């Protein structure tokens, strides 16, 4: 695997639907984007670079 270079940037736009909320995934009680979902998205994006 290549090393990640300093200064790289990227952008992703995602519409948060109920299936990605903390309440739905069981990581919280409110209707906000779940931290586990965000972590999974970041991991998936790393494999695309």
Protein backbone atom coordinates (compact mmCIF):
# COMPACT_ATOMS: atom_id res chain seq x y z
CA UNK A 1 0.00 0.00 0.00
CA UNK A 2 1.30 3.46 -0.86
CA UNK A 3 1.78 6.05 1.85
CA UNK A 4 -0.77 8.83 2.23
CA UNK A 5 0.75 12.12 1.11
CA UNK A 6 0.53 15.23 3.24
CA UNK A 7 -1.80 17.91 1.88
CA UNK A 8 -4.22 15.64 0.05
CA UNK A 9 -7.87 16.64 0.19
CA UNK A 10 -11.16 15.41 -1.12
CA UNK A 11 -14.86 16.03 -0.94
CA UNK A 12 -17.85 13.75 -0.70
CA UNK A 13 -21.49 14.75 -0.46
CA UNK A 14 -23.93 12.39 1.20
CA UNK A 15 -27.58 12.87 2.02
CA UNK A 16 -28.21 11.49 5.49
CA UNK A 17 -31.31 9.31 5.43
CA UNK A 18 -32.85 7.51 8.41
CA UNK A 19 -30.72 4.41 7.84
CA UNK A 20 -27.58 6.46 8.56
CA UNK A 21 -28.80 8.10 11.77
CA UNK A 22 -27.45 7.35 15.24
CA UNK A 23 -30.86 6.19 16.38
CA UNK A 24 -31.19 3.72 13.51
CA UNK A 25 -27.71 2.19 13.82
CA UNK A 26 -27.94 2.05 17.60
CA UNK A 27 -25.15 4.47 18.46
CA UNK A 28 -27.35 7.18 19.94
CA UNK A 29 -30.87 8.44 20.51
CA UNK A 30 -31.05 11.41 18.16
CA UNK A 31 -31.60 11.83 14.44
CA UNK A 32 -28.05 12.86 13.47
CA UNK A 33 -25.47 11.27 11.21
CA UNK A 34 -24.06 8.30 13.10
CA UNK A 35 -20.35 8.31 13.94
CA UNK A 36 -19.98 4.63 12.92
CA UNK A 37 -21.51 5.49 9.53
CA UNK A 38 -19.07 8.38 9.08
CA UNK A 39 -16.13 6.16 10.02
CA UNK A 40 -17.24 3.50 7.54
CA UNK A 41 -17.58 6.12 4.79
CA UNK A 42 -14.08 7.43 5.44
CA UNK A 43 -12.70 3.89 5.34
CA UNK A 44 -14.44 3.22 2.05
CA UNK A 45 -13.06 6.43 0.54
CA UNK A 46 -9.51 5.48 1.47
CA UNK A 47 -9.77 2.38 -0.70
CA UNK A 48 -10.76 4.54 -3.69
CA UNK A 49 -7.65 6.72 -3.60
